Amino acid sequence: LYGTSCCFIEFASLIGSRFDFDRYGLVPRSSPRQADLILTAGTVTMKMAPSLVRLYEQMPE
């Protein structure tokens, strides 16, 4: 799991001990190269799109 945008911090709270999403394999990663899922919270603008595509291309197959 790799998050972008400001709203990821709210999703990250689900990984804490109260909800323990860790047991389902939802573990935050520091790089998209290690992630199976990218969570993009918010609007993807035309200016942001190339950066998001670059992140997506770094993910493993």
PDB file of N, CA and C in Angstrom:
ATOM      1  N   LEU A   1       0.845  -1.178   0.000  1.00  0.00           N
ATOM      2  CA  LEU A   1       0.000   0.000   0.000  1.00  0.00           C
ATOM      3  C   LEU A   1       0.881   1.228   0.000  1.00  0.00           C
ATOM      4  N   TYR A   2       0.721   2.085  -0.971  1.00  0.00           N
ATOM      5  CA  TYR A   2       1.466   3.332  -1.066  1.00  0.00           C
ATOM      6  C   TYR A   2       0.445   4.437  -1.267  1.00  0.00           C
ATOM      7  N   GLY A   3       0.472   5.456  -0.431  1.00  0.00           N
ATOM      8  CA  GLY A   3      -0.536   6.512  -0.491  1.00  0.00           C
ATOM      9  C   GLY A   3       0.014   7.821  -1.006  1.00  0.00           C
ATOM     10  N   THR A   4      -0.820   8.531  -1.724  1.00  0.00           N
ATOM     11  CA  THR A   4      -0.482   9.867  -2.185  1.00  0.00           C
ATOM     12  C   THR A   4      -1.522  10.841  -1.639  1.00  0.00           C
ATOM     13  N   SER A   5      -1.232  12.091  -1.691  1.00  0.00           N
ATOM     14  CA  SER A   5      -2.126  13.178  -1.284  1.00  0.00           C
ATOM     15  C   SER A   5      -2.290  13.280   0.230  1.00  0.00           C
ATOM     16  N   CYS A   6      -2.936  14.346   0.630  1.00  0.00           N
ATOM     17  CA  CYS A   6      -3.058  14.651   2.057  1.00  0.00           C
ATOM     18  C   CYS A   6      -4.017  13.713   2.781  1.00  0.00           C
ATOM     19  N   CYS A   7      -4.983  13.155   2.113  1.00  0.00           N
ATOM     20  CA  CYS A   7      -5.980  12.312   2.775  1.00  0.00           C
ATOM     21  C   CYS A   7      -5.452  10.933   3.141  1.00  0.00           C
ATOM     22  N   PHE A   8      -4.268  10.586   2.664  1.00  0.00           N
ATOM     23  CA  PHE A   8      -3.713   9.277   3.017  1.00  0.00           C
ATOM     24  C   PHE A   8      -3.476   9.172   4.510  1.00  0.00           C
ATOM     25  N   ILE A   9      -3.190  10.286   5.166  1.00  0.00           N
ATOM     26  CA  ILE A   9      -2.942  10.253   6.608  1.00  0.00           C
ATOM     27  C   ILE A   9      -4.177   9.742   7.348  1.00  0.00           C
ATOM     28  N   GLU A  10      -5.360  10.040   6.840  1.00  0.00           N
ATOM     29  CA  GLU A  10      -6.580   9.546   7.468  1.00  0.00           C
ATOM     30  C   GLU A  10      -6.756   8.050   7.216  1.00  0.00           C
ATOM     31  N   PHE A  11      -6.385   7.585   6.046  1.00  0.00           N
ATOM     32  CA  PHE A  11      -6.435   6.154   5.778  1.00  0.00           C
ATOM     33  C   PHE A  11      -5.388   5.418   6.609  1.00  0.00           C
ATOM     34  N   ALA A  12      -4.256   6.047   6.827  1.00  0.00           N
ATOM     35  CA  ALA A  12      -3.175   5.429   7.594  1.00  0.00           C
ATOM     36  C   ALA A  12      -3.609   5.125   9.024  1.00  0.00           C
ATOM     37  N   SER A  13      -4.582   5.849   9.540  1.00  0.00           N
ATOM     38  CA  SER A  13      -5.058   5.565  10.897  1.00  0.00           C
ATOM     39  C   SER A  13      -5.711   4.184  10.991  1.00  0.00           C
ATOM     40  N   LEU A  14      -6.179   3.644   9.881  1.00  0.00           N
ATOM     41  CA  LEU A  14      -6.759   2.296   9.873  1.00  0.00           C
ATOM     42  C   LEU A  14      -5.715   1.220  10.136  1.00  0.00           C
ATOM     43  N   ILE A  15      -4.468   1.565   9.934  1.00  0.00           N
ATOM     44  CA  ILE A  15      -3.396   0.593  10.099  1.00  0.00           C
ATOM     45  C   ILE A  15      -2.985   0.485  11.562  1.00  0.00           C
ATOM     46  N   GLY A  16      -3.464   1.382  12.392  1.00  0.00           N
ATOM     47  CA  GLY A  16      -3.126   1.368  13.811  1.00  0.00           C
ATOM     48  C   GLY A  16      -3.672   0.143  14.527  1.00  0.00           C
ATOM     49  N   SER A  17      -3.377   0.043  15.782  1.00  0.00           N
ATOM     50  CA  SER A  17      -3.726  -1.155  16.544  1.00  0.00           C
ATOM     51  C   SER A  17      -5.235  -1.354  16.725  1.00  0.00           C
ATOM     52  N   ARG A  18      -6.010  -0.283  16.663  1.00  0.00           N
ATOM     53  CA  ARG A  18      -7.457  -0.434  16.874  1.00  0.00           C
ATOM     54  C   ARG A  18      -8.111  -1.257  15.762  1.00  0.00           C
ATOM     55  N   PHE A  19      -7.727  -0.998  14.515  1.00  0.00           N
ATOM     56  CA  PHE A  19      -8.337  -1.694  13.382  1.00  0.00           C
ATOM     57  C   PHE A  19      -7.470  -2.835  12.860  1.00  0.00           C
ATOM     58  N   ASP A  20      -6.171  -2.736  13.041  1.00  0.00           N
ATOM     59  CA  ASP A  20      -5.219  -3.795  12.703  1.00  0.00           C
ATOM     60  C   ASP A  20      -5.372  -4.306  11.272  1.00  0.00           C
ATOM     61  N   PHE A  21      -5.342  -3.397  10.307  1.00  0.00           N
ATOM     62  CA  PHE A  21      -5.401  -3.814   8.911  1.00  0.00           C
ATOM     63  C   PHE A  21      -4.158  -4.576   8.492  1.00  0.00           C
ATOM     64  N   ASP A  22      -3.164  -4.558   9.326  1.00  0.00           N
ATOM     65  CA  ASP A  22      -1.931  -5.300   9.092  1.00  0.00           C
ATOM     66  C   ASP A  22      -2.213  -6.793   8.892  1.00  0.00           C
ATOM     67  N   ARG A  23      -3.211  -7.301   9.557  1.00  0.00           N
ATOM     68  CA  ARG A  23      -3.538  -8.734   9.445  1.00  0.00           C
ATOM     69  C   ARG A  23      -4.071  -9.093   8.066  1.00  0.00           C
ATOM     70  N   TYR A  24      -4.553  -8.092   7.312  1.00  0.00           N
ATOM     71  CA  TYR A  24      -5.014  -8.321   5.944  1.00  0.00           C
ATOM     72  C   TYR A  24      -3.926  -8.032   4.919  1.00  0.00           C
ATOM     73  N   GLY A  25      -2.756  -7.682   5.395  1.00  0.00           N
ATOM     74  CA  GLY A  25      -1.646  -7.404   4.499  1.00  0.00           C
ATOM     75  C   GLY A  25      -1.551  -5.959   4.052  1.00  0.00           C
ATOM     76  N   LEU A  26      -2.353  -5.077   4.638  1.00  0.00           N
ATOM     77  CA  LEU A  26      -2.283  -3.660   4.301  1.00  0.00           C
ATOM     78  C   LEU A  26      -1.189  -3.010   5.141  1.00  0.00           C
ATOM     79  N   VAL A  27      -0.014  -2.972   4.588  1.00  0.00           N
ATOM     80  CA  VAL A  27       1.137  -2.416   5.283  1.00  0.00           C
ATOM     81  C   VAL A  27       1.659  -1.256   4.446  1.00  0.00           C
ATOM     82  N   PRO A  28       1.787  -0.061   5.027  1.00  0.00           N
ATOM     83  CA  PRO A  28       2.299   1.062   4.246  1.00  0.00           C
ATOM     84  C   PRO A  28       3.737   0.812   3.810  1.00  0.00           C
ATOM     85  N   ARG A  29       4.048   1.197   2.602  1.00  0.00           N
ATOM     86  CA  ARG A  29       5.388   1.045   2.045  1.00  0.00           C
ATOM     87  C   ARG A  29       5.975   2.420   1.784  1.00  0.00           C
ATOM     88  N   SER A  30       7.284   2.499   1.832  1.00  0.00           N
ATOM     89  CA  SER A  30       7.946   3.787   1.627  1.00  0.00           C
ATOM     90  C   SER A  30       8.207   4.068   0.157  1.00  0.00           C
ATOM     91  N   SER A  31       7.962   3.105  -0.696  1.00  0.00           N
ATOM     92  CA  SER A  31       8.235   3.263  -2.117  1.00  0.00           C
ATOM     93  C   SER A  31       7.174   2.522  -2.925  1.00  0.00           C
ATOM     94  N   PRO A  32       6.780   3.068  -4.080  1.00  0.00           N
ATOM     95  CA  PRO A  32       5.824   2.347  -4.921  1.00  0.00           C
ATOM     96  C   PRO A  32       6.414   1.052  -5.480  1.00  0.00           C
ATOM     97  N   ARG A  33       7.725   0.927  -5.483  1.00  0.00           N
ATOM     98  CA  ARG A  33       8.365  -0.304  -5.962  1.00  0.00           C
ATOM     99  C   ARG A  33       8.042  -1.499  -5.068  1.00  0.00           C
ATOM    100  N   GLN A  34       7.651  -1.226  -3.834  1.00  0.00           N
ATOM    101  CA  GLN A  34       7.338  -2.283  -2.874  1.00  0.00           C
ATOM    102  C   GLN A  34       5.834  -2.490  -2.712  1.00  0.00           C
ATOM    103  N   ALA A  35       5.036  -1.687  -3.383  1.00  0.00           N
ATOM    104  CA  ALA A  35       3.588  -1.687  -3.156  1.00  0.00           C
ATOM    105  C   ALA A  35       2.832  -2.487  -4.208  1.00  0.00           C
ATOM    106  N   ASP A  36       1.717  -3.058  -3.797  1.00  0.00           N
ATOM    107  CA  ASP A  36       0.798  -3.728  -4.712  1.00  0.00           C
ATOM    108  C   ASP A  36      -0.392  -2.837  -5.046  1.00  0.00           C
ATOM    109  N   LEU A  37      -0.553  -1.762  -4.293  1.00  0.00           N
ATOM    110  CA  LEU A  37      -1.699  -0.876  -4.438  1.00  0.00           C
ATOM    111  C   LEU A  37      -1.267   0.554  -4.161  1.00  0.00           C
ATOM    112  N   ILE A  38      -1.704   1.476  -5.002  1.00  0.00           N
ATOM    113  CA  ILE A  38      -1.495   2.903  -4.743  1.00  0.00           C
ATOM    114  C   ILE A  38      -2.861   3.504  -4.456  1.00  0.00           C
ATOM    115  N   LEU A  39      -2.969   4.164  -3.337  1.00  0.00           N
ATOM    116  CA  LEU A  39      -4.205   4.830  -2.955  1.00  0.00           C
ATOM    117  C   LEU A  39      -4.040   6.315  -3.234  1.00  0.00           C
ATOM    118  N   THR A  40      -4.836   6.837  -4.163  1.00  0.00           N
ATOM    119  CA  THR A  40      -4.793   8.253  -4.492  1.00  0.00           C
ATOM    120  C   THR A  40      -6.070   8.885  -3.972  1.00  0.00           C
ATOM    121  N   ALA A  41      -5.942   9.674  -2.942  1.00  0.00           N
ATOM    122  CA  ALA A  41      -7.092  10.329  -2.333  1.00  0.00           C
ATOM    123  C   ALA A  41      -7.144  11.767  -2.826  1.00  0.00           C
ATOM    124  N   GLY A  42      -8.253  12.159  -3.366  1.00  0.00           N
ATOM    125  CA  GLY A  42      -8.386  13.516  -3.866  1.00  0.00           C
ATOM    126  C   GLY A  42      -8.443  13.539  -5.387  1.00  0.00           C
ATOM    127  N   THR A  43      -8.427  14.722  -5.924  1.00  0.00           N
ATOM    128  CA  THR A  43      -8.543  14.929  -7.359  1.00  0.00           C
ATOM    129  C   THR A  43      -7.186  14.822  -8.030  1.00  0.00           C
ATOM    130  N   VAL A  44      -7.139  14.123  -9.143  1.00  0.00           N
ATOM    131  CA  VAL A  44      -5.920  14.066  -9.950  1.00  0.00           C
ATOM    132  C   VAL A  44      -6.042  15.147 -11.016  1.00  0.00           C
ATOM    133  N   THR A  45      -5.207  16.153 -10.917  1.00  0.00           N
ATOM    134  CA  THR A  45      -5.236  17.252 -11.877  1.00  0.00           C
ATOM    135  C   THR A  45      -4.330  16.936 -13.063  1.00  0.00           C
ATOM    136  N   MET A  46      -4.462  17.697 -14.117  1.00  0.00           N
ATOM    137  CA  MET A  46      -3.612  17.507 -15.298  1.00  0.00           C
ATOM    138  C   MET A  46      -2.144  17.717 -14.948  1.00  0.00           C
ATOM    139  N   LYS A  47      -1.880  18.623 -14.029  1.00  0.00           N
ATOM    140  CA  LYS A  47      -0.503  18.889 -13.621  1.00  0.00           C
ATOM    141  C   LYS A  47       0.069  17.726 -12.805  1.00  0.00           C
ATOM    142  N   MET A  48      -0.774  17.058 -12.038  1.00  0.00           N
ATOM    143  CA  MET A  48      -0.335  15.955 -11.189  1.00  0.00           C
ATOM    144  C   MET A  48      -0.273  14.621 -11.939  1.00  0.00           C
ATOM    145  N   ALA A  49      -1.003  14.494 -13.024  1.00  0.00           N
ATOM    146  CA  ALA A  49      -1.127  13.225 -13.742  1.00  0.00           C
ATOM    147  C   ALA A  49       0.213  12.616 -14.163  1.00  0.00           C
ATOM    148  N   PRO A  50       1.151  13.367 -14.742  1.00  0.00           N
ATOM    149  CA  PRO A  50       2.424  12.748 -15.121  1.00  0.00           C
ATOM    150  C   PRO A  50       3.184  12.162 -13.930  1.00  0.00           C
ATOM    151  N   SER A  51       3.133  12.814 -12.801  1.00  0.00           N
ATOM    152  CA  SER A  51       3.805  12.287 -11.605  1.00  0.00           C
ATOM    153  C   SER A  51       3.141  11.003 -11.130  1.00  0.00           C
ATOM    154  N   LEU A  52       1.818  10.960 -11.191  1.00  0.00           N
ATOM    155  CA  LEU A  52       1.096   9.761 -10.774  1.00  0.00           C
ATOM    156  C   LEU A  52       1.376   8.594 -11.723  1.00  0.00           C
ATOM    157  N   VAL A  53       1.463   8.876 -13.004  1.00  0.00           N
ATOM    158  CA  VAL A  53       1.806   7.834 -13.977  1.00  0.00           C
ATOM    159  C   VAL A  53       3.214   7.307 -13.708  1.00  0.00           C
ATOM    160  N   ARG A  54       4.130   8.197 -13.392  1.00  0.00           N
ATOM    161  CA  ARG A  54       5.504   7.784 -13.081  1.00  0.00           C
ATOM    162  C   ARG A  54       5.527   6.880 -11.844  1.00  0.00           C
ATOM    163  N   LEU A  55       4.744   7.208 -10.816  1.00  0.00           N
ATOM    164  CA  LEU A  55       4.639   6.351  -9.632  1.00  0.00           C
ATOM    165  C   LEU A  55       4.056   4.986  -9.995  1.00  0.00           C
ATOM    166  N   TYR A  56       3.021   4.995 -10.819  1.00  0.00           N
ATOM    167  CA  TYR A  56       2.375   3.744 -11.224  1.00  0.00           C
ATOM    168  C   TYR A  56       3.348   2.844 -11.982  1.00  0.00           C
ATOM    169  N   GLU A  57       4.158   3.440 -12.830  1.00  0.00           N
ATOM    170  CA  GLU A  57       5.120   2.666 -13.614  1.00  0.00           C
ATOM    171  C   GLU A  57       6.222   2.065 -12.750  1.00  0.00           C
ATOM    172  N   GLN A  58       6.432   2.588 -11.557  1.00  0.00           N
ATOM    173  CA  GLN A  58       7.446   2.058 -10.653  1.00  0.00           C
ATOM    174  C   GLN A  58       6.947   0.842  -9.877  1.00  0.00           C
ATOM    175  N   MET A  59       5.650   0.600  -9.915  1.00  0.00           N
ATOM    176  CA  MET A  59       5.094  -0.544  -9.180  1.00  0.00           C
ATOM    177  C   MET A  59       5.509  -1.850  -9.847  1.00  0.00           C
ATOM    178  N   PRO A  60       5.643  -2.922  -9.049  1.00  0.00           N
ATOM    179  CA  PRO A  60       5.956  -4.221  -9.647  1.00  0.00           C
ATOM    180  C   PRO A  60       4.771  -4.741 -10.456  1.00  0.00           C
ATOM    181  N   GLU A  61       5.039  -5.633 -11.367  1.00  0.00           N
ATOM    182  CA  GLU A  61       3.986  -6.220 -12.212  1.00  0.00           C
ATOM    183  C   GLU A  61       3.037  -7.063 -11.411  1.00  0.00           C
TER     184      GLU A  61
END
